[in-house]
Amino acid sequence: MEKTNVMRLLDQAKIAYTPHEYDNTVTNGEEVARLLGEDPDSCFKTLVTVSEKREHFVFVVPVSATLSLKKAAKAVGAKSIEMIKQKELLPLTGYVHGGCSPVGMKKPFPTVVDETAQLFDTVCVSAGKVGFQVELSPTALAIYVGASFADITE
């Protein structure tokens, strides 16, 4: 299996993970979870937002859930936030839509992981490339990216 930059960063940090590869034509997160034989509630997508002050924030939520912009704004102390435009994702993070990982962005952004991640021993997040996921401890992920946990879904 090909090593992604995310995998190399986790290796350097000595963080245990299990790599997963799937058909990169599948773009629905719940379908990806099914292909990997994982619970959709334990597979997470990475969403990038911008506040009214032009600050960027990263939210990691289950693929089966919807980010609550109101709860997310409250979690980071912003008045309001909105999703960034898709064309802004690559220049801002270094990742393409569908392959955005909370690990290894061009620069660190304040990150919040949905509190439900703590219900699982391991969670899956993008390995930084469409078709690849890494499965790791949600606590290890949060510590590595400097994330907090909060209730951020609808």
N, C-alpha and C. Protein backbone atom coordinates (compact mmCIF):
# COMPACT_ATOMS: atom_id res chain seq x y z
N MET A 1 0.85 -1.19 0.00
CA MET A 1 0.00 0.00 0.00
C MET A 1 0.89 1.25 0.00
N GLU A 2 0.46 2.19 -0.77
CA GLU A 2 1.15 3.48 -0.86
C GLU A 2 1.09 4.20 0.49
N LYS A 3 2.19 4.88 0.86
CA LYS A 3 2.20 5.68 2.10
C LYS A 3 1.85 7.11 1.74
N THR A 4 0.90 7.67 2.46
CA THR A 4 0.55 9.07 2.24
C THR A 4 1.36 9.93 3.21
N ASN A 5 1.35 11.22 3.00
CA ASN A 5 2.05 12.14 3.88
C ASN A 5 1.52 12.02 5.32
N VAL A 6 0.21 11.84 5.46
CA VAL A 6 -0.38 11.67 6.79
C VAL A 6 0.23 10.46 7.49
N MET A 7 0.37 9.36 6.76
CA MET A 7 0.97 8.15 7.35
C MET A 7 2.41 8.40 7.76
N ARG A 8 3.16 9.11 6.92
CA ARG A 8 4.56 9.42 7.27
C ARG A 8 4.64 10.29 8.51
N LEU A 9 3.74 11.28 8.63
CA LEU A 9 3.73 12.14 9.82
C LEU A 9 3.39 11.35 11.08
N LEU A 10 2.41 10.45 10.98
CA LEU A 10 2.04 9.61 12.13
C LEU A 10 3.18 8.67 12.50
N ASP A 11 3.88 8.14 11.49
CA ASP A 11 5.06 7.29 11.75
C ASP A 11 6.13 8.09 12.51
N GLN A 12 6.41 9.31 12.04
CA GLN A 12 7.42 10.15 12.69
C GLN A 12 7.05 10.45 14.14
N ALA A 13 5.75 10.64 14.39
CA ALA A 13 5.28 10.95 15.74
C ALA A 13 5.10 9.69 16.60
N LYS A 14 5.37 8.53 15.98
CA LYS A 14 5.22 7.24 16.66
C LYS A 14 3.78 7.02 17.18
N ILE A 15 2.83 7.41 16.34
CA ILE A 15 1.41 7.20 16.66
C ILE A 15 0.93 5.97 15.89
N ALA A 16 0.39 5.01 16.63
CA ALA A 16 -0.09 3.77 16.02
C ALA A 16 -1.33 4.05 15.19
N TYR A 17 -1.38 3.46 14.00
CA TYR A 17 -2.56 3.58 13.13
C TYR A 17 -2.64 2.35 12.23
N THR A 18 -3.81 2.12 11.70
CA THR A 18 -4.02 1.07 10.72
C THR A 18 -4.41 1.75 9.42
N PRO A 19 -3.64 1.53 8.33
CA PRO A 19 -4.03 2.15 7.06
C PRO A 19 -5.13 1.34 6.37
N HIS A 20 -5.99 2.04 5.67
CA HIS A 20 -7.06 1.40 4.88
C HIS A 20 -7.06 2.04 3.49
N GLU A 21 -7.30 1.20 2.50
CA GLU A 21 -7.42 1.69 1.13
C GLU A 21 -8.79 1.29 0.61
N TYR A 22 -9.41 2.17 -0.19
CA TYR A 22 -10.72 1.87 -0.76
C TYR A 22 -10.79 2.43 -2.16
N ASP A 23 -11.81 2.05 -2.89
CA ASP A 23 -12.02 2.51 -4.27
C ASP A 23 -12.18 4.03 -4.27
N ASN A 24 -11.23 4.73 -4.91
CA ASN A 24 -11.24 6.19 -4.85
C ASN A 24 -12.34 6.85 -5.68
N THR A 25 -13.17 6.05 -6.33
CA THR A 25 -14.31 6.64 -7.03
C THR A 25 -15.50 6.80 -6.09
N VAL A 26 -15.42 6.18 -4.90
CA VAL A 26 -16.49 6.30 -3.90
C VAL A 26 -16.27 7.59 -3.12
N THR A 27 -17.27 8.47 -3.13
CA THR A 27 -17.11 9.77 -2.47
C THR A 27 -18.03 9.96 -1.28
N ASN A 28 -18.98 9.07 -1.09
CA ASN A 28 -19.90 9.17 0.04
C ASN A 28 -19.26 8.55 1.28
N GLY A 29 -19.16 9.32 2.35
CA GLY A 29 -18.49 8.85 3.56
C GLY A 29 -19.10 7.61 4.16
N GLU A 30 -20.43 7.52 4.15
CA GLU A 30 -21.08 6.33 4.71
C GLU A 30 -20.77 5.10 3.87
N GLU A 31 -20.68 5.29 2.56
CA GLU A 31 -20.33 4.18 1.66
C GLU A 31 -18.88 3.77 1.90
N VAL A 32 -17.99 4.73 2.11
CA VAL A 32 -16.58 4.42 2.42
C VAL A 32 -16.52 3.58 3.70
N ALA A 33 -17.26 3.98 4.72
CA ALA A 33 -17.29 3.22 5.98
C ALA A 33 -17.74 1.78 5.72
N ARG A 34 -18.78 1.62 4.91
CA ARG A 34 -19.28 0.28 4.59
C ARG A 34 -18.22 -0.55 3.88
N LEU A 35 -17.53 0.07 2.90
CA LEU A 35 -16.47 -0.64 2.18
C LEU A 35 -15.34 -1.10 3.11
N LEU A 36 -15.09 -0.29 4.13
CA LEU A 36 -14.02 -0.62 5.08
C LEU A 36 -14.50 -1.55 6.19
N GLY A 37 -15.80 -1.84 6.21
CA GLY A 37 -16.35 -2.67 7.26
C GLY A 37 -16.39 -1.96 8.60
N GLU A 38 -16.50 -0.63 8.57
CA GLU A 38 -16.49 0.17 9.79
C GLU A 38 -17.87 0.76 10.06
N ASP A 39 -18.12 1.07 11.31
CA ASP A 39 -19.35 1.75 11.73
C ASP A 39 -19.28 3.19 11.20
N PRO A 40 -20.29 3.67 10.46
CA PRO A 40 -20.25 5.05 9.95
C PRO A 40 -20.09 6.09 11.07
N ASP A 41 -20.53 5.73 12.28
CA ASP A 41 -20.37 6.66 13.40
C ASP A 41 -18.92 6.77 13.86
N SER A 42 -18.08 5.81 13.44
CA SER A 42 -16.66 5.84 13.84
C SER A 42 -15.75 6.31 12.70
N CYS A 43 -16.35 6.65 11.57
CA CYS A 43 -15.59 7.20 10.44
C CYS A 43 -15.90 8.69 10.37
N PHE A 44 -14.86 9.50 10.33
CA PHE A 44 -15.02 10.94 10.45
C PHE A 44 -14.56 11.68 9.21
N LYS A 45 -15.27 12.76 8.90
CA LYS A 45 -14.89 13.64 7.80
C LYS A 45 -14.31 14.92 8.39
N THR A 46 -13.46 15.57 7.62
CA THR A 46 -12.79 16.78 8.06
C THR A 46 -13.37 17.96 7.29
N LEU A 47 -13.91 18.93 8.02
CA LEU A 47 -14.55 20.09 7.41
C LEU A 47 -13.81 21.36 7.81
N VAL A 48 -13.60 22.24 6.85
CA VAL A 48 -12.86 23.48 7.10
C VAL A 48 -13.82 24.66 6.97
N THR A 49 -13.77 25.55 7.95
CA THR A 49 -14.69 26.68 8.01
C THR A 49 -13.92 27.99 8.14
N VAL A 50 -14.67 29.07 7.98
CA VAL A 50 -14.10 30.40 8.16
C VAL A 50 -15.08 31.23 8.99
N SER A 51 -14.53 32.04 9.89
CA SER A 51 -15.38 32.87 10.75
C SER A 51 -15.59 34.24 10.13
N GLU A 52 -16.45 35.02 10.79
CA GLU A 52 -16.71 36.39 10.35
C GLU A 52 -15.44 37.23 10.40
N LYS A 53 -14.44 36.82 11.20
CA LYS A 53 -13.16 37.55 11.30
C LYS A 53 -12.11 36.96 10.36
N ARG A 54 -12.53 36.08 9.44
CA ARG A 54 -11.66 35.42 8.46
C ARG A 54 -10.68 34.45 9.11
N GLU A 55 -11.01 33.95 10.31
CA GLU A 55 -10.20 32.92 10.96
C GLU A 55 -10.69 31.56 10.47
N HIS A 56 -9.77 30.63 10.29
CA HIS A 56 -10.14 29.30 9.82
C HIS A 56 -10.15 28.31 10.97
N PHE A 57 -11.12 27.39 10.92
CA PHE A 57 -11.28 26.36 11.94
C PHE A 57 -11.55 25.03 11.25
N VAL A 58 -11.09 23.96 11.88
CA VAL A 58 -11.28 22.61 11.34
C VAL A 58 -12.19 21.83 12.30
N PHE A 59 -13.16 21.14 11.71
CA PHE A 59 -14.08 20.33 12.51
C PHE A 59 -14.07 18.91 11.96
N VAL A 60 -14.01 17.94 12.87
CA VAL A 60 -13.95 16.53 12.50
C VAL A 60 -15.21 15.88 13.05
N VAL A 61 -16.10 15.45 12.13
CA VAL A 61 -17.41 14.94 12.53
C VAL A 61 -17.68 13.59 11.85
N PRO A 62 -18.55 12.77 12.47
CA PRO A 62 -18.88 11.48 11.83
C PRO A 62 -19.44 11.69 10.43
N VAL A 63 -19.11 10.77 9.52
CA VAL A 63 -19.61 10.88 8.14
C VAL A 63 -21.13 10.79 8.11
N SER A 64 -21.72 10.20 9.15
CA SER A 64 -23.17 10.03 9.20
C SER A 64 -23.87 11.24 9.83
N ALA A 65 -23.10 12.26 10.20
CA ALA A 65 -23.67 13.42 10.90
C ALA A 65 -23.48 14.70 10.08
N THR A 66 -24.16 15.75 10.53
CA THR A 66 -24.06 17.07 9.92
C THR A 66 -23.47 18.04 10.94
N LEU A 67 -22.49 18.83 10.51
CA LEU A 67 -21.91 19.85 11.38
C LEU A 67 -22.96 20.91 11.69
N SER A 68 -23.11 21.25 12.97
CA SER A 68 -23.97 22.35 13.37
C SER A 68 -23.09 23.61 13.38
N LEU A 69 -23.33 24.52 12.45
CA LEU A 69 -22.50 25.73 12.37
C LEU A 69 -22.64 26.55 13.65
N LYS A 70 -23.82 26.53 14.24
CA LYS A 70 -24.05 27.28 15.48
C LYS A 70 -23.22 26.69 16.64
N LYS A 71 -23.30 25.35 16.82
CA LYS A 71 -22.54 24.70 17.89
C LYS A 71 -21.04 24.82 17.63
N ALA A 72 -20.65 24.70 16.35
CA ALA A 72 -19.23 24.78 15.99
C ALA A 72 -18.68 26.17 16.31
N ALA A 73 -19.43 27.21 15.95
CA ALA A 73 -19.00 28.58 16.24
C ALA A 73 -18.83 28.77 17.75
N LYS A 74 -19.80 28.27 18.50
CA LYS A 74 -19.73 28.38 19.96
C LYS A 74 -18.49 27.66 20.50
N ALA A 75 -18.18 26.49 19.94
CA ALA A 75 -17.05 25.68 20.41
C ALA A 75 -15.70 26.39 20.23
N VAL A 76 -15.63 27.28 19.22
CA VAL A 76 -14.36 27.99 18.97
C VAL A 76 -14.43 29.47 19.36
N GLY A 77 -15.56 29.87 19.95
CA GLY A 77 -15.69 31.25 20.42
C GLY A 77 -15.86 32.27 19.30
N ALA A 78 -16.42 31.83 18.17
CA ALA A 78 -16.67 32.74 17.05
C ALA A 78 -18.15 33.15 17.06
N LYS A 79 -18.43 34.33 16.51
CA LYS A 79 -19.82 34.78 16.42
C LYS A 79 -20.57 33.92 15.40
N SER A 80 -19.92 33.68 14.27
CA SER A 80 -20.52 32.83 13.24
C SER A 80 -19.41 32.24 12.38
N ILE A 81 -19.72 31.09 11.79
CA ILE A 81 -18.78 30.45 10.86
C ILE A 81 -19.57 29.93 9.66
N GLU A 82 -18.86 29.70 8.58
CA GLU A 82 -19.46 29.08 7.40
C GLU A 82 -18.41 28.19 6.77
N MET A 83 -18.88 27.26 5.96
CA MET A 83 -17.95 26.37 5.25
C MET A 83 -17.14 27.22 4.26
N ILE A 84 -15.85 26.85 4.07
CA ILE A 84 -15.07 27.55 3.05
C ILE A 84 -15.53 27.07 1.68
N LYS A 85 -15.23 27.86 0.67
CA LYS A 85 -15.57 27.45 -0.69
C LYS A 85 -14.62 26.33 -1.10
N GLN A 86 -15.15 25.38 -1.86
CA GLN A 86 -14.36 24.21 -2.25
C GLN A 86 -13.05 24.59 -2.93
N LYS A 87 -13.07 25.65 -3.75
CA LYS A 87 -11.85 26.06 -4.47
C LYS A 87 -10.77 26.59 -3.52
N GLU A 88 -11.15 26.95 -2.29
CA GLU A 88 -10.18 27.46 -1.31
C GLU A 88 -9.49 26.35 -0.53
N LEU A 89 -10.05 25.13 -0.60
CA LEU A 89 -9.55 24.03 0.23
C LEU A 89 -8.10 23.67 -0.07
N LEU A 90 -7.76 23.40 -1.32
CA LEU A 90 -6.40 22.98 -1.67
C LEU A 90 -5.35 24.05 -1.33
N PRO A 91 -5.54 25.32 -1.76
CA PRO A 91 -4.52 26.32 -1.42
C PRO A 91 -4.37 26.53 0.10
N LEU A 92 -5.46 26.39 0.83
CA LEU A 92 -5.43 26.64 2.27
C LEU A 92 -4.83 25.47 3.06
N THR A 93 -5.25 24.24 2.71
CA THR A 93 -4.87 23.07 3.51
C THR A 93 -3.83 22.17 2.87
N GLY A 94 -3.74 22.21 1.54
CA GLY A 94 -2.89 21.27 0.82
C GLY A 94 -3.62 19.99 0.45
N TYR A 95 -4.91 19.94 0.77
CA TYR A 95 -5.71 18.75 0.50
C TYR A 95 -6.85 19.05 -0.46
N VAL A 96 -7.24 18.00 -1.22
CA VAL A 96 -8.37 18.13 -2.14
C VAL A 96 -9.64 17.68 -1.43
N HIS A 97 -10.78 18.11 -1.97
CA HIS A 97 -12.08 17.69 -1.44
C HIS A 97 -12.17 16.17 -1.47
N GLY A 98 -12.57 15.56 -0.35
CA GLY A 98 -12.66 14.10 -0.27
C GLY A 98 -11.39 13.47 0.26
N GLY A 99 -10.32 14.25 0.35
CA GLY A 99 -9.06 13.72 0.86
C GLY A 99 -8.48 14.62 1.94
N CYS A 100 -9.32 15.43 2.56
CA CYS A 100 -8.87 16.38 3.57
C CYS A 100 -8.73 15.67 4.92
N SER A 101 -7.56 15.78 5.50
CA SER A 101 -7.27 15.15 6.79
C SER A 101 -6.98 16.22 7.84
N PRO A 102 -7.34 15.96 9.09
CA PRO A 102 -6.96 16.91 10.15
C PRO A 102 -5.45 16.87 10.42
N VAL A 103 -4.78 15.84 9.93
CA VAL A 103 -3.34 15.66 10.13
C VAL A 103 -2.58 16.22 8.92
N GLY A 104 -1.58 17.06 9.17
CA GLY A 104 -0.67 17.47 8.11
C GLY A 104 -1.15 18.57 7.20
N MET A 105 -2.03 19.43 7.66
CA MET A 105 -2.43 20.58 6.83
C MET A 105 -1.23 21.51 6.68
N LYS A 106 -1.29 22.37 5.66
CA LYS A 106 -0.18 23.30 5.40
C LYS A 106 0.22 24.08 6.65
N LYS A 107 -0.77 24.47 7.44
CA LYS A 107 -0.49 25.12 8.72
C LYS A 107 -1.55 24.67 9.71
N PRO A 108 -1.21 24.67 10.99
CA PRO A 108 -2.21 24.20 11.96
C PRO A 108 -3.33 25.21 12.17
N PHE A 109 -4.54 24.70 12.23
CA PHE A 109 -5.72 25.52 12.52
C PHE A 109 -6.36 24.99 13.79
N PRO A 110 -7.05 25.85 14.54
CA PRO A 110 -7.79 25.35 15.69
C PRO A 110 -8.75 24.25 15.22
N THR A 111 -8.71 23.11 15.91
CA THR A 111 -9.46 21.93 15.48
C THR A 111 -10.34 21.42 16.61
N VAL A 112 -11.56 21.03 16.25
CA VAL A 112 -12.49 20.45 17.21
C VAL A 112 -13.00 19.13 16.63
N VAL A 113 -12.92 18.09 17.45
CA VAL A 113 -13.42 16.77 17.07
C VAL A 113 -14.74 16.55 17.80
N ASP A 114 -15.74 16.03 17.07
CA ASP A 114 -17.02 15.77 17.72
C ASP A 114 -16.82 14.82 18.90
N GLU A 115 -17.49 15.15 20.00
CA GLU A 115 -17.30 14.40 21.25
C GLU A 115 -17.62 12.92 21.12
N THR A 116 -18.42 12.52 20.12
CA THR A 116 -18.76 11.10 19.96
C THR A 116 -17.54 10.26 19.61
N ALA A 117 -16.48 10.87 19.12
CA ALA A 117 -15.26 10.12 18.79
C ALA A 117 -14.73 9.39 20.03
N GLN A 118 -14.96 9.98 21.19
CA GLN A 118 -14.45 9.40 22.44
C GLN A 118 -15.17 8.11 22.83
N LEU A 119 -16.27 7.79 22.15
CA LEU A 119 -17.00 6.55 22.43
C LEU A 119 -16.31 5.35 21.80
N PHE A 120 -15.34 5.59 20.91
CA PHE A 120 -14.69 4.51 20.17
C PHE A 120 -13.22 4.38 20.56
N ASP A 121 -12.73 3.13 20.52
CA ASP A 121 -11.29 2.90 20.76
C ASP A 121 -10.48 3.48 19.62
N THR A 122 -11.02 3.33 18.39
CA THR A 122 -10.36 3.89 17.22
C THR A 122 -11.40 4.54 16.31
N VAL A 123 -10.95 5.53 15.55
CA VAL A 123 -11.78 6.19 14.55
C VAL A 123 -10.99 6.24 13.24
N CYS A 124 -11.72 6.37 12.15
CA CYS A 124 -11.09 6.51 10.84
C CYS A 124 -11.20 7.96 10.38
N VAL A 125 -10.10 8.48 9.84
CA VAL A 125 -10.09 9.80 9.21
C VAL A 125 -9.33 9.67 7.90
N SER A 126 -9.48 10.65 7.04
CA SER A 126 -8.77 10.62 5.77
C SER A 126 -7.27 10.57 6.00
N ALA A 127 -6.60 9.81 5.14
CA ALA A 127 -5.14 9.74 5.19
C ALA A 127 -4.53 10.79 4.27
N GLY A 128 -5.34 11.78 3.87
CA GLY A 128 -4.82 12.89 3.08
C GLY A 128 -4.88 12.71 1.58
N LYS A 129 -5.50 11.63 1.15
CA LYS A 129 -5.63 11.36 -0.27
C LYS A 129 -6.90 10.55 -0.47
N VAL A 130 -7.67 10.88 -1.50
CA VAL A 130 -8.89 10.13 -1.78
C VAL A 130 -8.52 8.66 -2.00
N GLY A 131 -9.25 7.77 -1.33
CA GLY A 131 -8.97 6.33 -1.44
C GLY A 131 -8.18 5.78 -0.28
N PHE A 132 -7.79 6.63 0.66
CA PHE A 132 -6.99 6.19 1.80
C PHE A 132 -7.53 6.75 3.11
N GLN A 133 -7.59 5.90 4.12
CA GLN A 133 -8.00 6.30 5.47
C GLN A 133 -6.98 5.75 6.46
N VAL A 134 -6.89 6.41 7.62
CA VAL A 134 -6.11 5.85 8.73
C VAL A 134 -7.06 5.67 9.90
N GLU A 135 -6.87 4.58 10.60
CA GLU A 135 -7.66 4.27 11.79
C GLU A 135 -6.74 4.42 12.99
N LEU A 136 -7.12 5.27 13.94
CA LEU A 136 -6.26 5.54 15.09
C LEU A 136 -7.08 5.94 16.30
N SER A 137 -6.42 6.02 17.43
CA SER A 137 -7.08 6.42 18.67
C SER A 137 -7.54 7.87 18.55
N PRO A 138 -8.81 8.15 18.92
CA PRO A 138 -9.27 9.54 18.85
C PRO A 138 -8.49 10.45 19.79
N THR A 139 -8.05 9.91 20.92
CA THR A 139 -7.26 10.70 21.87
C THR A 139 -5.90 11.04 21.27
N ALA A 140 -5.26 10.06 20.65
CA ALA A 140 -3.96 10.30 20.01
C ALA A 140 -4.09 11.33 18.90
N LEU A 141 -5.16 11.23 18.12
CA LEU A 141 -5.41 12.20 17.05
C LEU A 141 -5.56 13.60 17.63
N ALA A 142 -6.40 13.73 18.66
CA ALA A 142 -6.66 15.04 19.26
C ALA A 142 -5.38 15.64 19.84
N ILE A 143 -4.59 14.84 20.50
CA ILE A 143 -3.33 15.34 21.08
C ILE A 143 -2.40 15.79 19.97
N TYR A 144 -2.27 14.98 18.92
CA TYR A 144 -1.34 15.30 17.83
C TYR A 144 -1.71 16.60 17.11
N VAL A 145 -3.00 16.82 16.84
CA VAL A 145 -3.40 18.02 16.10
C VAL A 145 -3.80 19.17 17.04
N GLY A 146 -3.73 18.93 18.34
CA GLY A 146 -4.07 19.98 19.30
C GLY A 146 -5.56 20.27 19.34
N ALA A 147 -6.37 19.24 19.13
CA ALA A 147 -7.82 19.42 19.06
C ALA A 147 -8.47 19.29 20.43
N SER A 148 -9.66 19.87 20.51
CA SER A 148 -10.52 19.66 21.67
C SER A 148 -11.71 18.83 21.21
N PHE A 149 -12.45 18.30 22.18
CA PHE A 149 -13.68 17.57 21.87
C PHE A 149 -14.87 18.42 22.29
N ALA A 150 -15.93 18.42 21.47
CA ALA A 150 -17.14 19.18 21.80
C ALA A 150 -18.31 18.59 21.01
N ASP A 151 -19.51 18.93 21.46
CA ASP A 151 -20.73 18.56 20.76
C ASP A 151 -20.91 19.57 19.62
N ILE A 152 -20.64 19.12 18.38
CA ILE A 152 -20.66 20.05 17.24
C ILE A 152 -21.56 19.57 16.10
N THR A 153 -22.38 18.55 16.35
CA THR A 153 -23.23 18.05 15.27
C THR A 153 -24.70 18.39 15.53
N GLU A 154 -25.49 18.33 14.45
CA GLU A 154 -26.94 18.59 14.54
C GLU A 154 -27.59 17.53 15.39
